[in-house]
Amino acid sequence: MTLQFSDKSVPYRVFIQDVAAQLAYNLRQDNSDPEYISQNQAFRTFGRKQVERWRNTGKVSPIRRVQKLEYRTADLRLLQRTGA
């Protein structure tokens, strides 16, 4: 079986191996992430404008903890990877 993309054809087996490799990489990367990060850390990691855009469009919501805002890291990573 072959998957046809607009710029090339890829054998199904190669496609699945690439997806599996990317998934394994993402899982390893996410494993070291803390569950929540501060707003300042989110700005440094993902870019201030990007985080503010996600927040203004309702795609991510911070939680308030003792005088600071925090974001769930998994939510930010998902938005980063999907190009939202």
PDB file of N, CA and C in Angstrom:
ATOM      1  N   MET A   1       0.843  -1.180   0.000  1.00  0.00           N
ATOM      2  CA  MET A   1       0.000   0.000   0.000  1.00  0.00           C
ATOM      3  C   MET A   1       0.884   1.238   0.000  1.00  0.00           C
ATOM      4  N   THR A   2       0.476   2.254  -0.728  1.00  0.00           N
ATOM      5  CA  THR A   2       1.220   3.506  -0.837  1.00  0.00           C
ATOM      6  C   THR A   2       0.287   4.673  -0.545  1.00  0.00           C
ATOM      7  N   LEU A   3       0.790   5.631   0.219  1.00  0.00           N
ATOM      8  CA  LEU A   3       0.043   6.856   0.484  1.00  0.00           C
ATOM      9  C   LEU A   3       0.495   7.914  -0.504  1.00  0.00           C
ATOM     10  N   GLN A   4      -0.451   8.567  -1.134  1.00  0.00           N
ATOM     11  CA  GLN A   4      -0.150   9.584  -2.138  1.00  0.00           C
ATOM     12  C   GLN A   4      -0.333  10.966  -1.519  1.00  0.00           C
ATOM     13  N   PHE A   5       0.759  11.737  -1.467  1.00  0.00           N
ATOM     14  CA  PHE A   5       0.711  13.115  -1.025  1.00  0.00           C
ATOM     15  C   PHE A   5       0.867  14.000  -2.261  1.00  0.00           C
ATOM     16  N   SER A   6       0.594  15.269  -2.122  1.00  0.00           N
ATOM     17  CA  SER A   6       0.651  16.155  -3.284  1.00  0.00           C
ATOM     18  C   SER A   6       2.051  16.250  -3.881  1.00  0.00           C
ATOM     19  N   ASP A   7       3.088  16.078  -3.045  1.00  0.00           N
ATOM     20  CA  ASP A   7       4.446  16.213  -3.565  1.00  0.00           C
ATOM     21  C   ASP A   7       5.181  14.891  -3.764  1.00  0.00           C
ATOM     22  N   LYS A   8       4.661  13.769  -3.187  1.00  0.00           N
ATOM     23  CA  LYS A   8       5.332  12.483  -3.373  1.00  0.00           C
ATOM     24  C   LYS A   8       4.468  11.335  -2.859  1.00  0.00           C
ATOM     25  N   SER A   9       4.899  10.121  -3.192  1.00  0.00           N
ATOM     26  CA  SER A   9       4.257   8.914  -2.692  1.00  0.00           C
ATOM     27  C   SER A   9       5.160   8.305  -1.630  1.00  0.00           C
ATOM     28  N   VAL A  10       4.536   7.762  -0.579  1.00  0.00           N
ATOM     29  CA  VAL A  10       5.294   7.157   0.509  1.00  0.00           C
ATOM     30  C   VAL A  10       4.699   5.782   0.794  1.00  0.00           C
ATOM     31  N   PRO A  11       5.555   4.757   0.854  1.00  0.00           N
ATOM     32  CA  PRO A  11       5.039   3.440   1.233  1.00  0.00           C
ATOM     33  C   PRO A  11       4.425   3.499   2.634  1.00  0.00           C
ATOM     34  N   TYR A  12       3.347   2.798   2.838  1.00  0.00           N
ATOM     35  CA  TYR A  12       2.617   2.814   4.105  1.00  0.00           C
ATOM     36  C   TYR A  12       3.535   2.447   5.270  1.00  0.00           C
ATOM     37  N   ARG A  13       4.375   1.453   5.079  1.00  0.00           N
ATOM     38  CA  ARG A  13       5.274   1.004   6.146  1.00  0.00           C
ATOM     39  C   ARG A  13       6.221   2.137   6.579  1.00  0.00           C
ATOM     40  N   VAL A  14       6.752   2.879   5.638  1.00  0.00           N
ATOM     41  CA  VAL A  14       7.632   4.013   5.945  1.00  0.00           C
ATOM     42  C   VAL A  14       6.857   5.087   6.700  1.00  0.00           C
ATOM     43  N   PHE A  15       5.652   5.365   6.257  1.00  0.00           N
ATOM     44  CA  PHE A  15       4.807   6.356   6.922  1.00  0.00           C
ATOM     45  C   PHE A  15       4.563   5.969   8.381  1.00  0.00           C
ATOM     46  N   ILE A  16       4.187   4.716   8.618  1.00  0.00           N
ATOM     47  CA  ILE A  16       3.914   4.246   9.979  1.00  0.00           C
ATOM     48  C   ILE A  16       5.174   4.305  10.838  1.00  0.00           C
ATOM     49  N   GLN A  17       6.316   3.928  10.288  1.00  0.00           N
ATOM     50  CA  GLN A  17       7.569   3.990  11.042  1.00  0.00           C
ATOM     51  C   GLN A  17       7.918   5.427  11.411  1.00  0.00           C
ATOM     52  N   ASP A  18       7.701   6.350  10.505  1.00  0.00           N
ATOM     53  CA  ASP A  18       7.961   7.759  10.792  1.00  0.00           C
ATOM     54  C   ASP A  18       7.027   8.290  11.878  1.00  0.00           C
ATOM     55  N   VAL A  19       5.765   7.915  11.810  1.00  0.00           N
ATOM     56  CA  VAL A  19       4.800   8.345  12.831  1.00  0.00           C
ATOM     57  C   VAL A  19       5.191   7.762  14.189  1.00  0.00           C
ATOM     58  N   ALA A  20       5.548   6.478  14.224  1.00  0.00           N
ATOM     59  CA  ALA A  20       5.939   5.831  15.474  1.00  0.00           C
ATOM     60  C   ALA A  20       7.196   6.475  16.060  1.00  0.00           C
ATOM     61  N   ALA A  21       8.155   6.792  15.216  1.00  0.00           N
ATOM     62  CA  ALA A  21       9.382   7.427  15.691  1.00  0.00           C
ATOM     63  C   ALA A  21       9.096   8.810  16.279  1.00  0.00           C
ATOM     64  N   GLN A  22       8.247   9.575  15.608  1.00  0.00           N
ATOM     65  CA  GLN A  22       7.899  10.905  16.118  1.00  0.00           C
ATOM     66  C   GLN A  22       7.131  10.807  17.426  1.00  0.00           C
ATOM     67  N   LEU A  23       6.236   9.857  17.526  1.00  0.00           N
ATOM     68  CA  LEU A  23       5.473   9.650  18.758  1.00  0.00           C
ATOM     69  C   LEU A  23       6.398   9.275  19.908  1.00  0.00           C
ATOM     70  N   ALA A  24       7.334   8.364  19.671  1.00  0.00           N
ATOM     71  CA  ALA A  24       8.284   7.963  20.711  1.00  0.00           C
ATOM     72  C   ALA A  24       9.132   9.151  21.156  1.00  0.00           C
ATOM     73  N   TYR A  25       9.572   9.958  20.196  1.00  0.00           N
ATOM     74  CA  TYR A  25      10.355  11.152  20.523  1.00  0.00           C
ATOM     75  C   TYR A  25       9.544  12.111  21.391  1.00  0.00           C
ATOM     76  N   ASN A  26       8.296  12.363  21.003  1.00  0.00           N
ATOM     77  CA  ASN A  26       7.435  13.272  21.767  1.00  0.00           C
ATOM     78  C   ASN A  26       7.188  12.756  23.175  1.00  0.00           C
ATOM     79  N   LEU A  27       6.978  11.464  23.326  1.00  0.00           N
ATOM     80  CA  LEU A  27       6.748  10.893  24.656  1.00  0.00           C
ATOM     81  C   LEU A  27       7.979  11.058  25.541  1.00  0.00           C
ATOM     82  N   ARG A  28       9.155  10.835  24.982  1.00  0.00           N
ATOM     83  CA  ARG A  28      10.387  11.022  25.763  1.00  0.00           C
ATOM     84  C   ARG A  28      10.554  12.475  26.162  1.00  0.00           C
ATOM     85  N   GLN A  29      10.276  13.379  25.250  1.00  0.00           N
ATOM     86  CA  GLN A  29      10.411  14.802  25.527  1.00  0.00           C
ATOM     87  C   GLN A  29       9.411  15.235  26.609  1.00  0.00           C
ATOM     88  N   ASP A  30       8.177  14.782  26.476  1.00  0.00           N
ATOM     89  CA  ASP A  30       7.133  15.182  27.423  1.00  0.00           C
ATOM     90  C   ASP A  30       7.342  14.584  28.805  1.00  0.00           C
ATOM     91  N   ASN A  31       8.006  13.453  28.888  1.00  0.00           N
ATOM     92  CA  ASN A  31       8.209  12.772  30.164  1.00  0.00           C
ATOM     93  C   ASN A  31       8.994  13.636  31.147  1.00  0.00           C
ATOM     94  N   SER A  32       9.869  14.493  30.634  1.00  0.00           N
ATOM     95  CA  SER A  32      10.683  15.339  31.507  1.00  0.00           C
ATOM     96  C   SER A  32      10.011  16.679  31.827  1.00  0.00           C
ATOM     97  N   ASP A  33       8.872  16.965  31.201  1.00  0.00           N
ATOM     98  CA  ASP A  33       8.170  18.221  31.452  1.00  0.00           C
ATOM     99  C   ASP A  33       7.455  18.189  32.796  1.00  0.00           C
ATOM    100  N   PRO A  34       7.481  19.318  33.531  1.00  0.00           N
ATOM    101  CA  PRO A  34       6.646  19.397  34.733  1.00  0.00           C
ATOM    102  C   PRO A  34       5.173  19.495  34.322  1.00  0.00           C
ATOM    103  N   GLU A  35       4.269  19.161  35.226  1.00  0.00           N
ATOM    104  CA  GLU A  35       2.846  19.205  34.880  1.00  0.00           C
ATOM    105  C   GLU A  35       2.390  20.633  34.578  1.00  0.00           C
ATOM    106  N   TYR A  36       2.854  21.594  35.368  1.00  0.00           N
ATOM    107  CA  TYR A  36       2.498  23.001  35.167  1.00  0.00           C
ATOM    108  C   TYR A  36       3.766  23.841  35.109  1.00  0.00           C
ATOM    109  N   ILE A  37       3.709  24.916  34.300  1.00  0.00           N
ATOM    110  CA  ILE A  37       4.815  25.873  34.268  1.00  0.00           C
ATOM    111  C   ILE A  37       4.254  27.279  34.467  1.00  0.00           C
ATOM    112  N   SER A  38       5.103  28.152  34.997  1.00  0.00           N
ATOM    113  CA  SER A  38       4.678  29.529  35.241  1.00  0.00           C
ATOM    114  C   SER A  38       4.450  30.244  33.916  1.00  0.00           C
ATOM    115  N   GLN A  39       3.737  31.347  33.993  1.00  0.00           N
ATOM    116  CA  GLN A  39       3.474  32.127  32.789  1.00  0.00           C
ATOM    117  C   GLN A  39       4.780  32.617  32.171  1.00  0.00           C
ATOM    118  N   ASN A  40       5.726  33.054  33.005  1.00  0.00           N
ATOM    119  CA  ASN A  40       7.015  33.526  32.476  1.00  0.00           C
ATOM    120  C   ASN A  40       7.759  32.404  31.760  1.00  0.00           C
ATOM    121  N   GLN A  41       7.743  31.202  32.323  1.00  0.00           N
ATOM    122  CA  GLN A  41       8.398  30.070  31.670  1.00  0.00           C
ATOM    123  C   GLN A  41       7.687  29.721  30.368  1.00  0.00           C
ATOM    124  N   ALA A  42       6.368  29.794  30.352  1.00  0.00           N
ATOM    125  CA  ALA A  42       5.596  29.531  29.125  1.00  0.00           C
ATOM    126  C   ALA A  42       5.971  30.547  28.048  1.00  0.00           C
ATOM    127  N   PHE A  43       6.109  31.804  28.432  1.00  0.00           N
ATOM    128  CA  PHE A  43       6.505  32.842  27.479  1.00  0.00           C
ATOM    129  C   PHE A  43       7.898  32.555  26.910  1.00  0.00           C
ATOM    130  N   ARG A  44       8.835  32.151  27.773  1.00  0.00           N
ATOM    131  CA  ARG A  44      10.196  31.865  27.317  1.00  0.00           C
ATOM    132  C   ARG A  44      10.245  30.634  26.410  1.00  0.00           C
ATOM    133  N   THR A  45       9.456  29.623  26.745  1.00  0.00           N
ATOM    134  CA  THR A  45       9.510  28.359  26.010  1.00  0.00           C
ATOM    135  C   THR A  45       8.741  28.413  24.693  1.00  0.00           C
ATOM    136  N   PHE A  46       7.550  28.989  24.712  1.00  0.00           N
ATOM    137  CA  PHE A  46       6.667  28.947  23.548  1.00  0.00           C
ATOM    138  C   PHE A  46       6.506  30.291  22.842  1.00  0.00           C
ATOM    139  N   GLY A  47       7.023  31.344  23.439  1.00  0.00           N
ATOM    140  CA  GLY A  47       6.898  32.675  22.857  1.00  0.00           C
ATOM    141  C   GLY A  47       5.710  33.419  23.448  1.00  0.00           C
ATOM    142  N   ARG A  48       5.968  34.623  23.887  1.00  0.00           N
ATOM    143  CA  ARG A  48       4.933  35.421  24.542  1.00  0.00           C
ATOM    144  C   ARG A  48       3.700  35.620  23.660  1.00  0.00           C
ATOM    145  N   LYS A  49       3.923  36.041  22.419  1.00  0.00           N
ATOM    146  CA  LYS A  49       2.788  36.313  21.529  1.00  0.00           C
ATOM    147  C   LYS A  49       1.969  35.052  21.269  1.00  0.00           C
ATOM    148  N   GLN A  50       2.651  33.935  21.109  1.00  0.00           N
ATOM    149  CA  GLN A  50       1.963  32.678  20.850  1.00  0.00           C
ATOM    150  C   GLN A  50       1.070  32.280  22.035  1.00  0.00           C
ATOM    151  N   VAL A  51       1.622  32.331  23.252  1.00  0.00           N
ATOM    152  CA  VAL A  51       0.846  31.971  24.444  1.00  0.00           C
ATOM    153  C   VAL A  51      -0.322  32.937  24.620  1.00  0.00           C
ATOM    154  N   GLU A  52      -0.082  34.219  24.425  1.00  0.00           N
ATOM    155  CA  GLU A  52      -1.171  35.195  24.550  1.00  0.00           C
ATOM    156  C   GLU A  52      -2.252  34.958  23.500  1.00  0.00           C
ATOM    157  N   ARG A  53      -1.851  34.587  22.288  1.00  0.00           N
ATOM    158  CA  ARG A  53      -2.837  34.296  21.236  1.00  0.00           C
ATOM    159  C   ARG A  53      -3.674  33.079  21.610  1.00  0.00           C
ATOM    160  N   TRP A  54      -3.021  32.015  22.087  1.00  0.00           N
ATOM    161  CA  TRP A  54      -3.756  30.818  22.510  1.00  0.00           C
ATOM    162  C   TRP A  54      -4.714  31.148  23.644  1.00  0.00           C
ATOM    163  N   ARG A  55      -4.271  31.984  24.567  1.00  0.00           N
ATOM    164  CA  ARG A  55      -5.129  32.364  25.698  1.00  0.00           C
ATOM    165  C   ARG A  55      -6.311  33.218  25.223  1.00  0.00           C
ATOM    166  N   ASN A  56      -6.048  34.199  24.352  1.00  0.00           N
ATOM    167  CA  ASN A  56      -7.108  35.086  23.864  1.00  0.00           C
ATOM    168  C   ASN A  56      -8.141  34.354  23.012  1.00  0.00           C
ATOM    169  N   THR A  57      -7.726  33.297  22.331  1.00  0.00           N
ATOM    170  CA  THR A  57      -8.672  32.529  21.520  1.00  0.00           C
ATOM    171  C   THR A  57      -9.326  31.398  22.315  1.00  0.00           C
ATOM    172  N   GLY A  58      -8.996  31.276  23.590  1.00  0.00           N
ATOM    173  CA  GLY A  58      -9.629  30.278  24.447  1.00  0.00           C
ATOM    174  C   GLY A  58      -9.082  28.866  24.294  1.00  0.00           C
ATOM    175  N   LYS A  59      -7.941  28.729  23.641  1.00  0.00           N
ATOM    176  CA  LYS A  59      -7.370  27.396  23.433  1.00  0.00           C
ATOM    177  C   LYS A  59      -6.634  26.892  24.664  1.00  0.00           C
ATOM    178  N   VAL A  60      -6.215  27.805  25.526  1.00  0.00           N
ATOM    179  CA  VAL A  60      -5.543  27.438  26.770  1.00  0.00           C
ATOM    180  C   VAL A  60      -5.966  28.433  27.846  1.00  0.00           C
ATOM    181  N   SER A  61      -6.092  27.926  29.062  1.00  0.00           N
ATOM    182  CA  SER A  61      -6.482  28.782  30.187  1.00  0.00           C
ATOM    183  C   SER A  61      -5.510  28.576  31.337  1.00  0.00           C
ATOM    184  N   PRO A  62      -4.966  29.660  31.878  1.00  0.00           N
ATOM    185  CA  PRO A  62      -4.064  29.516  33.013  1.00  0.00           C
ATOM    186  C   PRO A  62      -4.848  29.265  34.299  1.00  0.00           C
ATOM    187  N   ILE A  63      -4.158  28.730  35.276  1.00  0.00           N
ATOM    188  CA  ILE A  63      -4.750  28.617  36.610  1.00  0.00           C
ATOM    189  C   ILE A  63      -3.976  29.553  37.524  1.00  0.00           C
ATOM    190  N   ARG A  64      -4.648  30.096  38.508  1.00  0.00           N
ATOM    191  CA  ARG A  64      -4.005  31.028  39.432  1.00  0.00           C
ATOM    192  C   ARG A  64      -3.569  30.257  40.674  1.00  0.00           C
ATOM    193  N   ARG A  65      -2.290  30.395  40.969  1.00  0.00           N
ATOM    194  CA  ARG A  65      -1.730  29.796  42.180  1.00  0.00           C
ATOM    195  C   ARG A  65      -0.917  30.860  42.893  1.00  0.00           C
ATOM    196  N   VAL A  66      -1.138  31.027  44.142  1.00  0.00           N
ATOM    197  CA  VAL A  66      -0.414  31.950  45.006  1.00  0.00           C
ATOM    198  C   VAL A  66       0.386  33.017  44.242  1.00  0.00           C
ATOM    199  N   GLN A  67      -0.282  34.036  43.826  1.00  0.00           N
ATOM    200  CA  GLN A  67       0.319  35.212  43.200  1.00  0.00           C
ATOM    201  C   GLN A  67       0.936  34.980  41.816  1.00  0.00           C
ATOM    202  N   LYS A  68       0.625  33.865  41.147  1.00  0.00           N
ATOM    203  CA  LYS A  68       1.153  33.684  39.799  1.00  0.00           C
ATOM    204  C   LYS A  68       0.202  32.844  38.962  1.00  0.00           C
ATOM    205  N   LEU A  69       0.341  32.980  37.663  1.00  0.00           N
ATOM    206  CA  LEU A  69      -0.444  32.192  36.720  1.00  0.00           C
ATOM    207  C   LEU A  69       0.409  31.038  36.221  1.00  0.00           C
ATOM    208  N   GLU A  70      -0.218  29.867  36.080  1.00  0.00           N
ATOM    209  CA  GLU A  70       0.478  28.701  35.555  1.00  0.00           C
ATOM    210  C   GLU A  70      -0.346  28.072  34.442  1.00  0.00           C
ATOM    211  N   TYR A  71       0.354  27.437  33.523  1.00  0.00           N
ATOM    212  CA  TYR A  71      -0.279  26.750  32.398  1.00  0.00           C
ATOM    213  C   TYR A  71       0.075  25.272  32.456  1.00  0.00           C
ATOM    214  N   ARG A  72      -0.858  24.437  32.021  1.00  0.00           N
ATOM    215  CA  ARG A  72      -0.592  23.005  31.938  1.00  0.00           C
ATOM    216  C   ARG A  72       0.326  22.777  30.740  1.00  0.00           C
ATOM    217  N   THR A  73       1.480  22.206  30.986  1.00  0.00           N
ATOM    218  CA  THR A  73       2.499  22.039  29.946  1.00  0.00           C
ATOM    219  C   THR A  73       2.005  21.177  28.793  1.00  0.00           C
ATOM    220  N   ALA A  74       1.270  20.114  29.082  1.00  0.00           N
ATOM    221  CA  ALA A  74       0.778  19.219  28.025  1.00  0.00           C
ATOM    222  C   ALA A  74      -0.130  19.967  27.050  1.00  0.00           C
ATOM    223  N   ASP A  75      -0.942  20.890  27.560  1.00  0.00           N
ATOM    224  CA  ASP A  75      -1.818  21.678  26.681  1.00  0.00           C
ATOM    225  C   ASP A  75      -0.998  22.563  25.745  1.00  0.00           C
ATOM    226  N   LEU A  76       0.041  23.197  26.285  1.00  0.00           N
ATOM    227  CA  LEU A  76       0.891  24.063  25.466  1.00  0.00           C
ATOM    228  C   LEU A  76       1.645  23.256  24.410  1.00  0.00           C
ATOM    229  N   ARG A  77       2.148  22.082  24.790  1.00  0.00           N
ATOM    230  CA  ARG A  77       2.872  21.230  23.827  1.00  0.00           C
ATOM    231  C   ARG A  77       1.945  20.793  22.689  1.00  0.00           C
ATOM    232  N   LEU A  78       0.708  20.425  23.027  1.00  0.00           N
ATOM    233  CA  LEU A  78      -0.241  20.013  22.010  1.00  0.00           C
ATOM    234  C   LEU A  78      -0.504  21.134  21.010  1.00  0.00           C
ATOM    235  N   LEU A  79      -0.733  22.334  21.515  1.00  0.00           N
ATOM    236  CA  LEU A  79      -0.967  23.476  20.644  1.00  0.00           C
ATOM    237  C   LEU A  79       0.252  23.776  19.783  1.00  0.00           C
ATOM    238  N   GLN A  80       1.436  23.649  20.355  1.00  0.00           N
ATOM    239  CA  GLN A  80       2.670  23.882  19.606  1.00  0.00           C
ATOM    240  C   GLN A  80       2.807  22.884  18.465  1.00  0.00           C
ATOM    241  N   ARG A  81       2.512  21.631  18.732  1.00  0.00           N
ATOM    242  CA  ARG A  81       2.704  20.576  17.730  1.00  0.00           C
ATOM    243  C   ARG A  81       1.629  20.592  16.643  1.00  0.00           C
ATOM    244  N   THR A  82       0.454  21.052  16.985  1.00  0.00           N
ATOM    245  CA  THR A  82      -0.619  21.046  15.987  1.00  0.00           C
ATOM    246  C   THR A  82      -0.659  22.347  15.195  1.00  0.00           C
ATOM    247  N   GLY A  83       0.190  23.297  15.565  1.00  0.00           N
ATOM    248  CA  GLY A  83       0.250  24.550  14.834  1.00  0.00           C
ATOM    249  C   GLY A  83      -0.993  25.399  15.017  1.00  0.00           C
ATOM    250  N   ALA A  84      -1.645  25.224  16.151  1.00  0.00           N
ATOM    251  CA  ALA A  84      -2.894  25.953  16.407  1.00  0.00           C
ATOM    252  C   ALA A  84      -2.657  27.411  16.635  1.00  0.00           C
TER     253      ALA A  84
END
